[in-house]
Amino acid sequence: MCNTCTVRLMEIAYRRAPWFRLVREPLKGGMKLMAFILRIDPDQYDVKTAACRGCLRFYKLALKEESGLFRRLNDLLNPVFDALVAKIVTPEEMKQANEQASLAMSGQDEDRKKNSSK
């Protein structure tokens, strides 16, 4: 499902550009409110790793499946949001977030964490 680890990218963006919270948090709150109103449970999706639990991607996926209004809003706002993130996060960090998502989706990320803690 994931191509990029959103959690990792947002950690970087928040650290590098603290003002970015003022952009993202209202969008995040709106998604959670819309999911609540539509009685969408993002926990219905399989989570490959513990770090993925609570990721906003599950809200976004569920809202895209259930709400035409959300799809239209996402079509308008997501390109702007992605361009903003691309200005904050370096291409190398984006590549690392892509790799982390691939590992998480394959279940290898959990295996790697278990082995490194031994």
PDB file of N, CA and C in Angstrom:
ATOM      1  N   MET A   1       0.814  -1.197   0.000  1.00  0.00           N
ATOM      2  CA  MET A   1       0.000   0.000   0.000  1.00  0.00           C
ATOM      3  C   MET A   1       0.856   1.258   0.000  1.00  0.00           C
ATOM      4  N   CYS A   2       1.898   1.314   0.822  1.00  0.00           N
ATOM      5  CA  CYS A   2       2.698   2.534   0.954  1.00  0.00           C
ATOM      6  C   CYS A   2       3.899   2.533   0.015  1.00  0.00           C
ATOM      7  N   ASN A   3       4.142   3.683  -0.557  1.00  0.00           N
ATOM      8  CA  ASN A   3       5.347   3.883  -1.348  1.00  0.00           C
ATOM      9  C   ASN A   3       6.381   4.668  -0.564  1.00  0.00           C
ATOM     10  N   THR A   4       5.900   5.478   0.364  1.00  0.00           N
ATOM     11  CA  THR A   4       6.758   6.352   1.151  1.00  0.00           C
ATOM     12  C   THR A   4       6.298   6.324   2.597  1.00  0.00           C
ATOM     13  N   CYS A   5       7.242   6.304   3.519  1.00  0.00           N
ATOM     14  CA  CYS A   5       6.894   6.324   4.930  1.00  0.00           C
ATOM     15  C   CYS A   5       6.551   7.760   5.334  1.00  0.00           C
ATOM     16  N   THR A   6       5.266   8.025   5.448  1.00  0.00           N
ATOM     17  CA  THR A   6       4.789   9.359   5.800  1.00  0.00           C
ATOM     18  C   THR A   6       5.259   9.770   7.189  1.00  0.00           C
ATOM     19  N   VAL A   7       5.253   8.829   8.120  1.00  0.00           N
ATOM     20  CA  VAL A   7       5.676   9.138   9.488  1.00  0.00           C
ATOM     21  C   VAL A   7       7.104   9.686   9.469  1.00  0.00           C
ATOM     22  N   ARG A   8       7.972   9.018   8.750  1.00  0.00           N
ATOM     23  CA  ARG A   8       9.379   9.463   8.667  1.00  0.00           C
ATOM     24  C   ARG A   8       9.492  10.834   8.006  1.00  0.00           C
ATOM     25  N   LEU A   9       8.787  11.039   6.904  1.00  0.00           N
ATOM     26  CA  LEU A   9       8.860  12.335   6.216  1.00  0.00           C
ATOM     27  C   LEU A   9       8.347  13.471   7.085  1.00  0.00           C
ATOM     28  N   MET A  10       7.275  13.224   7.813  1.00  0.00           N
ATOM     29  CA  MET A  10       6.713  14.284   8.651  1.00  0.00           C
ATOM     30  C   MET A  10       7.617  14.590   9.845  1.00  0.00           C
ATOM     31  N   GLU A  11       8.281  13.589  10.372  1.00  0.00           N
ATOM     32  CA  GLU A  11       9.258  13.841  11.444  1.00  0.00           C
ATOM     33  C   GLU A  11      10.350  14.778  10.940  1.00  0.00           C
ATOM     34  N   ILE A  12      10.843  14.511   9.747  1.00  0.00           N
ATOM     35  CA  ILE A  12      11.889  15.353   9.154  1.00  0.00           C
ATOM     36  C   ILE A  12      11.355  16.755   8.895  1.00  0.00           C
ATOM     37  N   ALA A  13      10.186  16.842   8.277  1.00  0.00           N
ATOM     38  CA  ALA A  13       9.608  18.149   7.933  1.00  0.00           C
ATOM     39  C   ALA A  13       9.330  18.979   9.182  1.00  0.00           C
ATOM     40  N   TYR A  14       8.788  18.375  10.222  1.00  0.00           N
ATOM     41  CA  TYR A  14       8.500  19.103  11.463  1.00  0.00           C
ATOM     42  C   TYR A  14       9.782  19.600  12.117  1.00  0.00           C
ATOM     43  N   ARG A  15      10.836  18.782  12.072  1.00  0.00           N
ATOM     44  CA  ARG A  15      12.105  19.166  12.679  1.00  0.00           C
ATOM     45  C   ARG A  15      12.772  20.292  11.879  1.00  0.00           C
ATOM     46  N   ARG A  16      12.748  20.180  10.578  1.00  0.00           N
ATOM     47  CA  ARG A  16      13.436  21.139   9.720  1.00  0.00           C
ATOM     48  C   ARG A  16      12.658  22.447   9.559  1.00  0.00           C
ATOM     49  N   ALA A  17      11.340  22.359   9.523  1.00  0.00           N
ATOM     50  CA  ALA A  17      10.490  23.543   9.298  1.00  0.00           C
ATOM     51  C   ALA A  17       9.324  23.507  10.295  1.00  0.00           C
ATOM     52  N   PRO A  18       9.554  23.976  11.515  1.00  0.00           N
ATOM     53  CA  PRO A  18       8.501  23.903  12.540  1.00  0.00           C
ATOM     54  C   PRO A  18       7.173  24.539  12.110  1.00  0.00           C
ATOM     55  N   TRP A  19       7.212  25.533  11.250  1.00  0.00           N
ATOM     56  CA  TRP A  19       5.993  26.179  10.749  1.00  0.00           C
ATOM     57  C   TRP A  19       5.125  25.216   9.930  1.00  0.00           C
ATOM     58  N   PHE A  20       5.734  24.129   9.445  1.00  0.00           N
ATOM     59  CA  PHE A  20       5.007  23.167   8.620  1.00  0.00           C
ATOM     60  C   PHE A  20       3.831  22.543   9.376  1.00  0.00           C
ATOM     61  N   ARG A  21       3.945  22.472  10.703  1.00  0.00           N
ATOM     62  CA  ARG A  21       2.830  21.970  11.526  1.00  0.00           C
ATOM     63  C   ARG A  21       1.558  22.794  11.299  1.00  0.00           C
ATOM     64  N   LEU A  22       1.737  24.095  11.100  1.00  0.00           N
ATOM     65  CA  LEU A  22       0.583  24.979  10.883  1.00  0.00           C
ATOM     66  C   LEU A  22      -0.150  24.651   9.583  1.00  0.00           C
ATOM     67  N   VAL A  23       0.538  24.041   8.656  1.00  0.00           N
ATOM     68  CA  VAL A  23      -0.070  23.621   7.398  1.00  0.00           C
ATOM     69  C   VAL A  23      -0.694  22.240   7.551  1.00  0.00           C
ATOM     70  N   ARG A  24       0.071  21.314   8.120  1.00  0.00           N
ATOM     71  CA  ARG A  24      -0.359  19.914   8.140  1.00  0.00           C
ATOM     72  C   ARG A  24      -1.408  19.605   9.201  1.00  0.00           C
ATOM     73  N   GLU A  25      -1.256  20.131  10.388  1.00  0.00           N
ATOM     74  CA  GLU A  25      -2.157  19.746  11.478  1.00  0.00           C
ATOM     75  C   GLU A  25      -3.635  20.047  11.192  1.00  0.00           C
ATOM     76  N   PRO A  26      -3.982  21.208  10.603  1.00  0.00           N
ATOM     77  CA  PRO A  26      -5.397  21.409  10.251  1.00  0.00           C
ATOM     78  C   PRO A  26      -5.894  20.393   9.213  1.00  0.00           C
ATOM     79  N   LEU A  27      -5.049  20.041   8.248  1.00  0.00           N
ATOM     80  CA  LEU A  27      -5.437  19.037   7.255  1.00  0.00           C
ATOM     81  C   LEU A  27      -5.625  17.683   7.926  1.00  0.00           C
ATOM     82  N   LYS A  28      -4.718  17.338   8.802  1.00  0.00           N
ATOM     83  CA  LYS A  28      -4.784  16.079   9.546  1.00  0.00           C
ATOM     84  C   LYS A  28      -6.053  16.036  10.401  1.00  0.00           C
ATOM     85  N   GLY A  29      -6.327  17.131  11.098  1.00  0.00           N
ATOM     86  CA  GLY A  29      -7.534  17.201  11.924  1.00  0.00           C
ATOM     87  C   GLY A  29      -8.798  17.079  11.087  1.00  0.00           C
ATOM     88  N   GLY A  30      -8.804  17.718   9.921  1.00  0.00           N
ATOM     89  CA  GLY A  30      -9.954  17.633   9.024  1.00  0.00           C
ATOM     90  C   GLY A  30     -10.193  16.214   8.539  1.00  0.00           C
ATOM     91  N   MET A  31      -9.108  15.503   8.249  1.00  0.00           N
ATOM     92  CA  MET A  31      -9.249  14.112   7.804  1.00  0.00           C
ATOM     93  C   MET A  31      -9.816  13.243   8.929  1.00  0.00           C
ATOM     94  N   LYS A  32      -9.312  13.446  10.135  1.00  0.00           N
ATOM     95  CA  LYS A  32      -9.805  12.646  11.262  1.00  0.00           C
ATOM     96  C   LYS A  32     -11.267  12.970  11.565  1.00  0.00           C
ATOM     97  N   LEU A  33     -11.632  14.243  11.474  1.00  0.00           N
ATOM     98  CA  LEU A  33     -13.022  14.637  11.704  1.00  0.00           C
ATOM     99  C   LEU A  33     -13.931  14.043  10.630  1.00  0.00           C
ATOM    100  N   MET A  34     -13.508  14.112   9.382  1.00  0.00           N
ATOM    101  CA  MET A  34     -14.309  13.561   8.291  1.00  0.00           C
ATOM    102  C   MET A  34     -14.475  12.045   8.464  1.00  0.00           C
ATOM    103  N   ALA A  35     -13.404  11.373   8.872  1.00  0.00           N
ATOM    104  CA  ALA A  35     -13.482   9.924   9.108  1.00  0.00           C
ATOM    105  C   ALA A  35     -14.449   9.619  10.249  1.00  0.00           C
ATOM    106  N   PHE A  36     -14.431  10.442  11.294  1.00  0.00           N
ATOM    107  CA  PHE A  36     -15.339  10.258  12.422  1.00  0.00           C
ATOM    108  C   PHE A  36     -16.788  10.447  11.977  1.00  0.00           C
ATOM    109  N   ILE A  37     -17.050  11.508  11.237  1.00  0.00           N
ATOM    110  CA  ILE A  37     -18.407  11.808  10.774  1.00  0.00           C
ATOM    111  C   ILE A  37     -18.935  10.691   9.872  1.00  0.00           C
ATOM    112  N   LEU A  38     -18.074  10.167   9.027  1.00  0.00           N
ATOM    113  CA  LEU A  38     -18.479   9.109   8.094  1.00  0.00           C
ATOM    114  C   LEU A  38     -18.394   7.710   8.717  1.00  0.00           C
ATOM    115  N   ARG A  39     -18.036   7.674  10.005  1.00  0.00           N
ATOM    116  CA  ARG A  39     -17.900   6.402  10.745  1.00  0.00           C
ATOM    117  C   ARG A  39     -16.927   5.448  10.061  1.00  0.00           C
ATOM    118  N   ILE A  40     -15.807   6.001   9.666  1.00  0.00           N
ATOM    119  CA  ILE A  40     -14.753   5.218   9.030  1.00  0.00           C
ATOM    120  C   ILE A  40     -13.762   4.787  10.102  1.00  0.00           C
ATOM    121  N   ASP A  41     -13.432   3.509  10.102  1.00  0.00           N
ATOM    122  CA  ASP A  41     -12.475   2.965  11.053  1.00  0.00           C
ATOM    123  C   ASP A  41     -11.191   2.596  10.327  1.00  0.00           C
ATOM    124  N   PRO A  42     -10.151   3.442  10.437  1.00  0.00           N
ATOM    125  CA  PRO A  42      -8.905   3.135   9.728  1.00  0.00           C
ATOM    126  C   PRO A  42      -8.192   1.907  10.298  1.00  0.00           C
ATOM    127  N   ASP A  43      -8.591   1.445  11.461  1.00  0.00           N
ATOM    128  CA  ASP A  43      -7.981   0.249  12.055  1.00  0.00           C
ATOM    129  C   ASP A  43      -8.391  -1.030  11.330  1.00  0.00           C
ATOM    130  N   GLN A  44      -9.326  -0.922  10.382  1.00  0.00           N
ATOM    131  CA  GLN A  44      -9.756  -2.101   9.629  1.00  0.00           C
ATOM    132  C   GLN A  44      -8.673  -2.576   8.656  1.00  0.00           C
ATOM    133  N   TYR A  45      -7.662  -1.744   8.431  1.00  0.00           N
ATOM    134  CA  TYR A  45      -6.596  -2.087   7.497  1.00  0.00           C
ATOM    135  C   TYR A  45      -5.482  -2.832   8.221  1.00  0.00           C
ATOM    136  N   ASP A  46      -4.936  -3.821   7.521  1.00  0.00           N
ATOM    137  CA  ASP A  46      -3.815  -4.596   8.054  1.00  0.00           C
ATOM    138  C   ASP A  46      -2.591  -3.712   8.217  1.00  0.00           C
ATOM    139  N   VAL A  47      -1.966  -3.799   9.370  1.00  0.00           N
ATOM    140  CA  VAL A  47      -0.752  -3.046   9.638  1.00  0.00           C
ATOM    141  C   VAL A  47       0.404  -4.026   9.676  1.00  0.00           C
ATOM    142  N   LYS A  48       1.400  -3.794   8.843  1.00  0.00           N
ATOM    143  CA  LYS A  48       2.534  -4.719   8.742  1.00  0.00           C
ATOM    144  C   LYS A  48       3.519  -4.554   9.891  1.00  0.00           C
ATOM    145  N   THR A  49       3.668  -3.327  10.391  1.00  0.00           N
ATOM    146  CA  THR A  49       4.594  -3.075  11.494  1.00  0.00           C
ATOM    147  C   THR A  49       3.919  -2.195  12.531  1.00  0.00           C
ATOM    148  N   ALA A  50       4.391  -2.269  13.749  1.00  0.00           N
ATOM    149  CA  ALA A  50       3.823  -1.461  14.835  1.00  0.00           C
ATOM    150  C   ALA A  50       3.974   0.031  14.548  1.00  0.00           C
ATOM    151  N   ALA A  51       5.052   0.416  13.894  1.00  0.00           N
ATOM    152  CA  ALA A  51       5.290   1.831  13.586  1.00  0.00           C
ATOM    153  C   ALA A  51       4.234   2.395  12.638  1.00  0.00           C
ATOM    154  N   CYS A  52       3.584   1.531  11.877  1.00  0.00           N
ATOM    155  CA  CYS A  52       2.566   1.982  10.914  1.00  0.00           C
ATOM    156  C   CYS A  52       1.203   2.222  11.572  1.00  0.00           C
ATOM    157  N   ARG A  53       0.994   1.677  12.762  1.00  0.00           N
ATOM    158  CA  ARG A  53      -0.295   1.831  13.432  1.00  0.00           C
ATOM    159  C   ARG A  53      -0.559   3.316  13.694  1.00  0.00           C
ATOM    160  N   GLY A  54      -1.719   3.774  13.292  1.00  0.00           N
ATOM    161  CA  GLY A  54      -2.092   5.169  13.485  1.00  0.00           C
ATOM    162  C   GLY A  54      -1.604   6.102  12.386  1.00  0.00           C
ATOM    163  N   CYS A  55      -0.952   5.555  11.377  1.00  0.00           N
ATOM    164  CA  CYS A  55      -0.468   6.381  10.271  1.00  0.00           C
ATOM    165  C   CYS A  55      -1.664   7.005   9.550  1.00  0.00           C
ATOM    166  N   LEU A  56      -1.506   8.252   9.187  1.00  0.00           N
ATOM    167  CA  LEU A  56      -2.579   8.978   8.522  1.00  0.00           C
ATOM    168  C   LEU A  56      -2.927   8.394   7.156  1.00  0.00           C
ATOM    169  N   ARG A  57      -2.042   7.615   6.573  1.00  0.00           N
ATOM    170  CA  ARG A  57      -2.331   6.987   5.272  1.00  0.00           C
ATOM    171  C   ARG A  57      -3.572   6.111   5.325  1.00  0.00           C
ATOM    172  N   PHE A  58      -3.802   5.478   6.464  1.00  0.00           N
ATOM    173  CA  PHE A  58      -4.973   4.610   6.582  1.00  0.00           C
ATOM    174  C   PHE A  58      -6.258   5.439   6.573  1.00  0.00           C
ATOM    175  N   TYR A  59      -6.223   6.612   7.191  1.00  0.00           N
ATOM    176  CA  TYR A  59      -7.373   7.520   7.119  1.00  0.00           C
ATOM    177  C   TYR A  59      -7.594   7.949   5.672  1.00  0.00           C
ATOM    178  N   LYS A  60      -6.491   8.330   5.029  1.00  0.00           N
ATOM    179  CA  LYS A  60      -6.585   8.827   3.659  1.00  0.00           C
ATOM    180  C   LYS A  60      -7.123   7.760   2.716  1.00  0.00           C
ATOM    181  N   LEU A  61      -6.625   6.547   2.847  1.00  0.00           N
ATOM    182  CA  LEU A  61      -7.094   5.449   2.009  1.00  0.00           C
ATOM    183  C   LEU A  61      -8.583   5.196   2.224  1.00  0.00           C
ATOM    184  N   ALA A  62      -8.995   5.134   3.477  1.00  0.00           N
ATOM    185  CA  ALA A  62     -10.402   4.885   3.785  1.00  0.00           C
ATOM    186  C   ALA A  62     -11.284   6.019   3.263  1.00  0.00           C
ATOM    187  N   LEU A  63     -10.851   7.257   3.440  1.00  0.00           N
ATOM    188  CA  LEU A  63     -11.638   8.386   2.964  1.00  0.00           C
ATOM    189  C   LEU A  63     -11.738   8.403   1.444  1.00  0.00           C
ATOM    190  N   LYS A  64     -10.658   8.044   0.761  1.00  0.00           N
ATOM    191  CA  LYS A  64     -10.711   7.976  -0.705  1.00  0.00           C
ATOM    192  C   LYS A  64     -11.722   6.936  -1.167  1.00  0.00           C
ATOM    193  N   GLU A  65     -11.820   5.841  -0.427  1.00  0.00           N
ATOM    194  CA  GLU A  65     -12.761   4.786  -0.793  1.00  0.00           C
ATOM    195  C   GLU A  65     -14.210   5.183  -0.517  1.00  0.00           C
ATOM    196  N   GLU A  66     -14.435   6.011   0.493  1.00  0.00           N
ATOM    197  CA  GLU A  66     -15.789   6.281   0.963  1.00  0.00           C
ATOM    198  C   GLU A  66     -16.379   7.645   0.586  1.00  0.00           C
ATOM    199  N   SER A  67     -15.536   8.606   0.249  1.00  0.00           N
ATOM    200  CA  SER A  67     -16.046   9.963   0.111  1.00  0.00           C
ATOM    201  C   SER A  67     -15.607  10.647  -1.183  1.00  0.00           C
ATOM    202  N   GLY A  68     -16.584  10.983  -2.006  1.00  0.00           N
ATOM    203  CA  GLY A  68     -16.309  11.741  -3.222  1.00  0.00           C
ATOM    204  C   GLY A  68     -15.815  13.139  -2.905  1.00  0.00           C
ATOM    205  N   LEU A  69     -16.373  13.753  -1.858  1.00  0.00           N
ATOM    206  CA  LEU A  69     -15.925  15.079  -1.442  1.00  0.00           C
ATOM    207  C   LEU A  69     -14.445  15.034  -1.064  1.00  0.00           C
ATOM    208  N   PHE A  70     -14.054  14.026  -0.296  1.00  0.00           N
ATOM    209  CA  PHE A  70     -12.648  13.921   0.084  1.00  0.00           C
ATOM    210  C   PHE A  70     -11.767  13.748  -1.146  1.00  0.00           C
ATOM    211  N   ARG A  71     -12.192  12.905  -2.078  1.00  0.00           N
ATOM    212  CA  ARG A  71     -11.383  12.703  -3.290  1.00  0.00           C
ATOM    213  C   ARG A  71     -11.175  14.017  -4.032  1.00  0.00           C
ATOM    214  N   ARG A  72     -12.215  14.846  -4.140  1.00  0.00           N
ATOM    215  CA  ARG A  72     -12.089  16.133  -4.825  1.00  0.00           C
ATOM    216  C   ARG A  72     -11.140  17.067  -4.062  1.00  0.00           C
ATOM    217  N   LEU A  73     -11.317  17.135  -2.733  1.00  0.00           N
ATOM    218  CA  LEU A  73     -10.435  17.983  -1.918  1.00  0.00           C
ATOM    219  C   LEU A  73      -8.983  17.507  -2.013  1.00  0.00           C
ATOM    220  N   ASN A  74      -8.801  16.200  -1.971  1.00  0.00           N
ATOM    221  CA  ASN A  74      -7.456  15.636  -2.071  1.00  0.00           C
ATOM    222  C   ASN A  74      -6.828  15.953  -3.426  1.00  0.00           C
ATOM    223  N   ASP A  75      -7.618  15.868  -4.482  1.00  0.00           N
ATOM    224  CA  ASP A  75      -7.106  16.190  -5.818  1.00  0.00           C
ATOM    225  C   ASP A  75      -6.627  17.640  -5.898  1.00  0.00           C
ATOM    226  N   LEU A  76      -7.278  18.535  -5.160  1.00  0.00           N
ATOM    227  CA  LEU A  76      -6.882  19.943  -5.157  1.00  0.00           C
ATOM    228  C   LEU A  76      -5.686  20.218  -4.254  1.00  0.00           C
ATOM    229  N   LEU A  77      -5.714  19.667  -3.043  1.00  0.00           N
ATOM    230  CA  LEU A  77      -4.721  20.019  -2.032  1.00  0.00           C
ATOM    231  C   LEU A  77      -3.458  19.164  -2.053  1.00  0.00           C
ATOM    232  N   ASN A  78      -3.577  17.903  -2.415  1.00  0.00           N
ATOM    233  CA  ASN A  78      -2.433  17.005  -2.317  1.00  0.00           C
ATOM    234  C   ASN A  78      -1.240  17.425  -3.182  1.00  0.00           C
ATOM    235  N   PRO A  79      -1.441  17.880  -4.425  1.00  0.00           N
ATOM    236  CA  PRO A  79      -0.273  18.311  -5.214  1.00  0.00           C
ATOM    237  C   PRO A  79       0.470  19.489  -4.567  1.00  0.00           C
ATOM    238  N   VAL A  80      -0.275  20.405  -3.971  1.00  0.00           N
ATOM    239  CA  VAL A  80       0.343  21.551  -3.301  1.00  0.00           C
ATOM    240  C   VAL A  80       1.109  21.077  -2.066  1.00  0.00           C
ATOM    241  N   PHE A  81       0.482  20.197  -1.293  1.00  0.00           N
ATOM    242  CA  PHE A  81       1.101  19.648  -0.090  1.00  0.00           C
ATOM    243  C   PHE A  81       2.379  18.891  -0.456  1.00  0.00           C
ATOM    244  N   ASP A  82       2.318  18.039  -1.467  1.00  0.00           N
ATOM    245  CA  ASP A  82       3.486  17.261  -1.891  1.00  0.00           C
ATOM    246  C   ASP A  82       4.626  18.168  -2.355  1.00  0.00           C
ATOM    247  N   ALA A  83       4.297  19.229  -3.072  1.00  0.00           N
ATOM    248  CA  ALA A  83       5.329  20.163  -3.532  1.00  0.00           C
ATOM    249  C   ALA A  83       5.990  20.860  -2.347  1.00  0.00           C
ATOM    250  N   LEU A  84       5.208  21.181  -1.343  1.00  0.00           N
ATOM    251  CA  LEU A  84       5.744  21.815  -0.144  1.00  0.00           C
ATOM    252  C   LEU A  84       6.682  20.862   0.593  1.00  0.00           C
ATOM    253  N   VAL A  85       6.267  19.621   0.744  1.00  0.00           N
ATOM    254  CA  VAL A  85       7.114  18.616   1.399  1.00  0.00           C
ATOM    255  C   VAL A  85       8.411  18.436   0.614  1.00  0.00           C
ATOM    256  N   ALA A  86       8.322  18.424  -0.697  1.00  0.00           N
ATOM    257  CA  ALA A  86       9.508  18.236  -1.547  1.00  0.00           C
ATOM    258  C   ALA A  86      10.515  19.375  -1.379  1.00  0.00           C
ATOM    259  N   LYS A  87      10.045  20.556  -0.985  1.00  0.00           N
ATOM    260  CA  LYS A  87      10.951  21.684  -0.744  1.00  0.00           C
ATOM    261  C   LYS A  87      11.635  21.580   0.621  1.00  0.00           C
ATOM    262  N   ILE A  88      11.029  20.818   1.530  1.00  0.00           N
ATOM    263  CA  ILE A  88      11.568  20.699   2.887  1.00  0.00           C
ATOM    264  C   ILE A  88      12.486  19.485   3.020  1.00  0.00           C
ATOM    265  N   VAL A  89      12.098  18.385   2.417  1.00  0.00           N
ATOM    266  CA  VAL A  89      12.805  17.113   2.547  1.00  0.00           C
ATOM    267  C   VAL A  89      13.732  16.928   1.349  1.00  0.00           C
ATOM    268  N   THR A  90      14.945  16.468   1.607  1.00  0.00           N
ATOM    269  CA  THR A  90      15.913  16.276   0.519  1.00  0.00           C
ATOM    270  C   THR A  90      15.562  15.027  -0.296  1.00  0.00           C
ATOM    271  N   PRO A  91      16.039  14.954  -1.535  1.00  0.00           N
ATOM    272  CA  PRO A  91      15.805  13.745  -2.339  1.00  0.00           C
ATOM    273  C   PRO A  91      16.347  12.478  -1.662  1.00  0.00           C
ATOM    274  N   GLU A  92      17.473  12.584  -0.986  1.00  0.00           N
ATOM    275  CA  GLU A  92      18.045  11.417  -0.289  1.00  0.00           C
ATOM    276  C   GLU A  92      17.121  10.972   0.852  1.00  0.00           C
ATOM    277  N   GLU A  93      16.563  11.915   1.590  1.00  0.00           N
ATOM    278  CA  GLU A  93      15.628  11.574   2.674  1.00  0.00           C
ATOM    279  C   GLU A  93      14.355  10.950   2.109  1.00  0.00           C
ATOM    280  N   MET A  94      13.912  11.439   0.963  1.00  0.00           N
ATOM    281  CA  MET A  94      12.741  10.865   0.301  1.00  0.00           C
ATOM    282  C   MET A  94      13.028   9.424  -0.112  1.00  0.00           C
ATOM    283  N   LYS A  95      14.220   9.196  -0.635  1.00  0.00           N
ATOM    284  CA  LYS A  95      14.616   7.848  -1.030  1.00  0.00           C
ATOM    285  C   LYS A  95      14.631   6.919   0.191  1.00  0.00           C
ATOM    286  N   GLN A  96      15.164   7.395   1.306  1.00  0.00           N
ATOM    287  CA  GLN A  96      15.201   6.592   2.529  1.00  0.00           C
ATOM    288  C   GLN A  96      13.792   6.285   3.028  1.00  0.00           C
ATOM    289  N   ALA A  97      12.890   7.253   2.912  1.00  0.00           N
ATOM    290  CA  ALA A  97      11.496   7.038   3.325  1.00  0.00           C
ATOM    291  C   ALA A  97      10.820   6.014   2.416  1.00  0.00           C
ATOM    292  N   ASN A  98      11.164   6.026   1.135  1.00  0.00           N
ATOM    293  CA  ASN A  98      10.636   5.028   0.201  1.00  0.00           C
ATOM    294  C   ASN A  98      11.138   3.633   0.574  1.00  0.00           C
ATOM    295  N   GLU A  99      12.425   3.539   0.887  1.00  0.00           N
ATOM    296  CA  GLU A  99      13.009   2.257   1.282  1.00  0.00           C
ATOM    297  C   GLU A  99      12.389   1.746   2.587  1.00  0.00           C
ATOM    298  N   GLN A 100      12.185   2.662   3.523  1.00  0.00           N
ATOM    299  CA  GLN A 100      11.584   2.277   4.802  1.00  0.00           C
ATOM    300  C   GLN A 100      10.159   1.760   4.602  1.00  0.00           C
ATOM    301  N   ALA A 101       9.415   2.391   3.729  1.00  0.00           N
ATOM    302  CA  ALA A 101       8.052   1.927   3.438  1.00  0.00           C
ATOM    303  C   ALA A 101       8.075   0.552   2.792  1.00  0.00           C
ATOM    304  N   SER A 102       9.003   0.336   1.875  1.00  0.00           N
ATOM    305  CA  SER A 102       9.107  -0.977   1.225  1.00  0.00           C
ATOM    306  C   SER A 102       9.424  -2.065   2.241  1.00  0.00           C
ATOM    307  N   LEU A 103      10.351  -1.780   3.141  1.00  0.00           N
ATOM    308  CA  LEU A 103      10.690  -2.747   4.180  1.00  0.00           C
ATOM    309  C   LEU A 103       9.497  -3.017   5.085  1.00  0.00           C
ATOM    310  N   ALA A 104       8.802  -1.967   5.458  1.00  0.00           N
ATOM    311  CA  ALA A 104       7.642  -2.116   6.351  1.00  0.00           C
ATOM    312  C   ALA A 104       6.547  -2.946   5.687  1.00  0.00           C
ATOM    313  N   MET A 105       6.298  -2.695   4.409  1.00  0.00           N
ATOM    314  CA  MET A 105       5.237  -3.412   3.711  1.00  0.00           C
ATOM    315  C   MET A 105       5.581  -4.889   3.506  1.00  0.00           C
ATOM    316  N   SER A 106       6.873  -5.194   3.450  1.00  0.00           N
ATOM    317  CA  SER A 106       7.281  -6.590   3.284  1.00  0.00           C
ATOM    318  C   SER A 106       7.423  -7.300   4.625  1.00  0.00           C
ATOM    319  N   GLY A 107       7.327  -6.530   5.714  1.00  0.00           N
ATOM    320  CA  GLY A 107       7.485  -7.109   7.044  1.00  0.00           C
ATOM    321  C   GLY A 107       8.935  -7.202   7.468  1.00  0.00           C
ATOM    322  N   GLN A 108       9.857  -6.811   6.611  1.00  0.00           N
ATOM    323  CA  GLN A 108      11.282  -6.893   6.923  1.00  0.00           C
ATOM    324  C   GLN A 108      11.713  -5.855   7.938  1.00  0.00           C
ATOM    325  N   ASP A 109      10.993  -4.753   8.031  1.00  0.00           N
ATOM    326  CA  ASP A 109      11.353  -3.694   8.971  1.00  0.00           C
ATOM    327  C   ASP A 109      11.266  -4.199  10.414  1.00  0.00           C
ATOM    328  N   GLU A 110      10.209  -4.938  10.722  1.00  0.00           N
ATOM    329  CA  GLU A 110      10.057  -5.510  12.068  1.00  0.00           C
ATOM    330  C   GLU A 110      11.162  -6.521  12.350  1.00  0.00           C
ATOM    331  N   ASP A 111      11.479  -7.362  11.350  1.00  0.00           N
ATOM    332  CA  ASP A 111      12.547  -8.350  11.507  1.00  0.00           C
ATOM    333  C   ASP A 111      13.883  -7.655  11.777  1.00  0.00           C
ATOM    334  N   ARG A 112      14.138  -6.571  11.039  1.00  0.00           N
ATOM    335  CA  ARG A 112      15.389  -5.822  11.192  1.00  0.00           C
ATOM    336  C   ARG A 112      15.481  -5.232  12.597  1.00  0.00           C
ATOM    337  N   LYS A 113      14.377  -4.676  13.095  1.00  0.00           N
ATOM    338  CA  LYS A 113      14.364  -4.082  14.441  1.00  0.00           C
ATOM    339  C   LYS A 113      14.584  -5.141  15.509  1.00  0.00           C
ATOM    340  N   LYS A 114      13.965  -6.300  15.350  1.00  0.00           N
ATOM    341  CA  LYS A 114      14.134  -7.383  16.318  1.00  0.00           C
ATOM    342  C   LYS A 114      15.583  -7.855  16.358  1.00  0.00           C
ATOM    343  N   ASN A 115      16.181  -8.036  15.188  1.00  0.00           N
ATOM    344  CA  ASN A 115      17.559  -8.508  15.102  1.00  0.00           C
ATOM    345  C   ASN A 115      18.561  -7.485  15.630  1.00  0.00           C
ATOM    346  N   SER A 116      18.285  -6.204  15.434  1.00  0.00           N
ATOM    347  CA  SER A 116      19.226  -5.185  15.893  1.00  0.00           C
ATOM    348  C   SER A 116      19.140  -4.980  17.404  1.00  0.00           C
ATOM    349  N   SER A 117      18.036  -5.397  18.036  1.00  0.00           N
ATOM    350  CA  SER A 117      17.905  -5.229  19.487  1.00  0.00           C
ATOM    351  C   SER A 117      18.473  -6.411  20.252  1.00  0.00           C
ATOM    352  N   LYS A 118      18.906  -7.448  19.554  1.00  0.00           N
ATOM    353  CA  LYS A 118      19.476  -8.639  20.225  1.00  0.00           C
ATOM    354  C   LYS A 118      20.930  -8.446  20.563  1.00  0.00           C
TER     355      LYS A 118
END
